[in-house]
Amino acid sequence: VPLAVVEEILLNLPAHQVVRVCRLVCHEWKQLVDSASHWRERCRREGFQPSDASRPPDD
């Protein structure tokens, strides 16, 4: 199964299941689950906006 297909499946599972179970399946899945790009995409899909830590917060 192509890794892109696996990633799409993982992105549609609850985050707690991905962290607790899916990352234990194999080394490739662990790398995918632990990647920043996976969590950026998950956050984007759930409506979270990344904060820009390089600038001070607005007053």
N, C-alpha and C. Protein backbone atom coordinates (compact mmCIF):
# COMPACT_ATOMS: atom_id res chain seq x y z
N VAL A 1 0.86 -1.18 0.00
CA VAL A 1 0.00 0.00 0.00
C VAL A 1 0.90 1.24 0.00
N PRO A 2 0.66 2.17 -0.89
CA PRO A 2 1.47 3.39 -0.92
C PRO A 2 1.36 4.17 0.40
N LEU A 3 2.45 4.77 0.80
CA LEU A 3 2.49 5.52 2.06
C LEU A 3 1.50 6.67 2.07
N ALA A 4 1.24 7.28 0.91
CA ALA A 4 0.26 8.37 0.84
C ALA A 4 -1.14 7.87 1.20
N VAL A 5 -1.45 6.64 0.83
CA VAL A 5 -2.76 6.06 1.16
C VAL A 5 -2.83 5.79 2.66
N VAL A 6 -1.76 5.26 3.22
CA VAL A 6 -1.71 5.02 4.67
C VAL A 6 -1.88 6.33 5.42
N GLU A 7 -1.20 7.38 4.97
CA GLU A 7 -1.31 8.67 5.64
C GLU A 7 -2.74 9.19 5.60
N GLU A 8 -3.40 9.06 4.48
CA GLU A 8 -4.79 9.52 4.36
C GLU A 8 -5.69 8.75 5.33
N ILE A 9 -5.47 7.47 5.45
CA ILE A 9 -6.25 6.66 6.40
C ILE A 9 -5.98 7.13 7.82
N LEU A 10 -4.71 7.31 8.17
CA LEU A 10 -4.36 7.74 9.52
C LEU A 10 -4.94 9.11 9.85
N LEU A 11 -5.00 9.99 8.86
CA LEU A 11 -5.55 11.33 9.09
C LEU A 11 -7.05 11.30 9.38
N ASN A 12 -7.70 10.20 9.03
CA ASN A 12 -9.13 10.08 9.27
C ASN A 12 -9.47 9.30 10.54
N LEU A 13 -8.45 8.86 11.25
CA LEU A 13 -8.65 8.18 12.53
C LEU A 13 -8.50 9.18 13.67
N PRO A 14 -9.11 8.89 14.82
CA PRO A 14 -8.92 9.77 15.98
C PRO A 14 -7.44 9.85 16.37
N ALA A 15 -7.00 11.05 16.74
CA ALA A 15 -5.58 11.27 17.07
C ALA A 15 -5.10 10.34 18.18
N HIS A 16 -5.92 10.12 19.20
CA HIS A 16 -5.47 9.25 20.30
C HIS A 16 -5.21 7.84 19.81
N GLN A 17 -5.98 7.36 18.85
CA GLN A 17 -5.77 6.02 18.32
C GLN A 17 -4.49 5.96 17.49
N VAL A 18 -4.23 7.01 16.73
CA VAL A 18 -3.02 7.07 15.92
C VAL A 18 -1.78 7.05 16.81
N VAL A 19 -1.82 7.83 17.89
CA VAL A 19 -0.66 7.92 18.79
C VAL A 19 -0.47 6.63 19.58
N ARG A 20 -1.54 6.07 20.09
CA ARG A 20 -1.42 4.93 20.99
C ARG A 20 -1.28 3.60 20.28
N VAL A 21 -1.84 3.47 19.07
CA VAL A 21 -1.87 2.16 18.41
C VAL A 21 -1.13 2.16 17.07
N CYS A 22 -1.50 3.05 16.19
CA CYS A 22 -1.00 2.99 14.81
C CYS A 22 0.50 3.18 14.71
N ARG A 23 1.07 4.01 15.56
CA ARG A 23 2.51 4.24 15.47
C ARG A 23 3.32 3.03 15.91
N LEU A 24 2.65 2.03 16.51
CA LEU A 24 3.33 0.81 16.95
C LEU A 24 3.33 -0.29 15.89
N VAL A 25 2.64 -0.06 14.77
CA VAL A 25 2.50 -1.09 13.74
C VAL A 25 3.84 -1.44 13.09
N CYS A 26 4.55 -0.43 12.63
CA CYS A 26 5.85 -0.66 11.99
C CYS A 26 6.65 0.64 11.99
N HIS A 27 7.90 0.53 11.61
CA HIS A 27 8.80 1.70 11.61
C HIS A 27 8.29 2.81 10.68
N GLU A 28 7.81 2.44 9.49
CA GLU A 28 7.32 3.45 8.54
C GLU A 28 6.14 4.22 9.11
N TRP A 29 5.21 3.50 9.74
CA TRP A 29 4.03 4.17 10.32
C TRP A 29 4.46 5.06 11.47
N LYS A 30 5.41 4.62 12.28
CA LYS A 30 5.89 5.44 13.39
C LYS A 30 6.50 6.74 12.87
N GLN A 31 7.33 6.64 11.83
CA GLN A 31 7.92 7.84 11.25
C GLN A 31 6.85 8.77 10.71
N LEU A 32 5.83 8.21 10.08
CA LEU A 32 4.75 9.02 9.54
C LEU A 32 3.98 9.72 10.64
N VAL A 33 3.60 8.98 11.67
CA VAL A 33 2.84 9.55 12.79
C VAL A 33 3.66 10.59 13.53
N ASP A 34 4.95 10.39 13.65
CA ASP A 34 5.81 11.32 14.39
C ASP A 34 6.23 12.54 13.56
N SER A 35 5.90 12.56 12.29
CA SER A 35 6.35 13.67 11.44
C SER A 35 5.55 14.94 11.69
N ALA A 36 6.24 16.05 11.59
CA ALA A 36 5.59 17.36 11.75
C ALA A 36 4.55 17.58 10.67
N SER A 37 4.83 17.10 9.46
CA SER A 37 3.89 17.32 8.36
C SER A 37 2.56 16.61 8.61
N HIS A 38 2.60 15.44 9.23
CA HIS A 38 1.35 14.72 9.56
C HIS A 38 0.50 15.56 10.51
N TRP A 39 1.13 16.10 11.54
CA TRP A 39 0.38 16.87 12.54
C TRP A 39 -0.05 18.24 12.02
N ARG A 40 0.76 18.83 11.15
CA ARG A 40 0.33 20.09 10.51
C ARG A 40 -0.94 19.86 9.70
N GLU A 41 -0.95 18.77 8.92
CA GLU A 41 -2.12 18.47 8.09
C GLU A 41 -3.33 18.12 8.96
N ARG A 42 -3.11 17.37 10.02
CA ARG A 42 -4.20 17.01 10.93
C ARG A 42 -4.79 18.28 11.54
N CYS A 43 -3.94 19.17 12.01
CA CYS A 43 -4.42 20.43 12.59
C CYS A 43 -5.15 21.28 11.56
N ARG A 44 -4.62 21.35 10.35
CA ARG A 44 -5.27 22.11 9.29
C ARG A 44 -6.67 21.58 9.03
N ARG A 45 -6.80 20.26 8.96
CA ARG A 45 -8.11 19.65 8.69
C ARG A 45 -9.09 19.87 9.83
N GLU A 46 -8.57 20.00 11.04
CA GLU A 46 -9.45 20.19 12.20
C GLU A 46 -9.68 21.67 12.49
N GLY A 47 -9.13 22.55 11.65
CA GLY A 47 -9.42 23.97 11.77
C GLY A 47 -8.50 24.76 12.67
N PHE A 48 -7.40 24.16 13.10
CA PHE A 48 -6.44 24.88 13.93
C PHE A 48 -5.45 25.61 13.05
N GLN A 49 -5.13 26.83 13.43
CA GLN A 49 -4.16 27.63 12.69
C GLN A 49 -2.84 27.62 13.43
N PRO A 50 -1.75 27.38 12.72
CA PRO A 50 -0.45 27.42 13.41
C PRO A 50 -0.13 28.83 13.87
N SER A 51 0.45 28.92 15.04
CA SER A 51 0.84 30.24 15.53
C SER A 51 2.24 30.56 15.04
N ASP A 52 2.51 31.83 14.91
CA ASP A 52 3.83 32.27 14.48
C ASP A 52 4.60 32.65 15.74
N ALA A 53 5.46 31.75 16.19
CA ALA A 53 6.20 31.96 17.44
C ALA A 53 7.32 32.98 17.28
N SER A 54 7.56 33.42 16.06
CA SER A 54 8.66 34.37 15.85
C SER A 54 8.24 35.82 16.11
N ARG A 55 6.96 36.06 16.28
CA ARG A 55 6.52 37.44 16.55
C ARG A 55 5.83 37.49 17.91
N PRO A 56 5.89 38.65 18.57
CA PRO A 56 5.25 38.77 19.88
C PRO A 56 3.72 38.74 19.74
N PRO A 57 3.02 38.30 20.77
CA PRO A 57 1.56 38.26 20.71
C PRO A 57 0.96 39.66 20.64
N ASP A 58 -0.22 39.76 20.04
CA ASP A 58 -0.93 41.04 19.97
C ASP A 58 -1.44 41.40 21.36
N ASP A 59 -1.49 42.71 21.64
CA ASP A 59 -2.01 43.18 22.93
C ASP A 59 -3.51 43.21 22.91
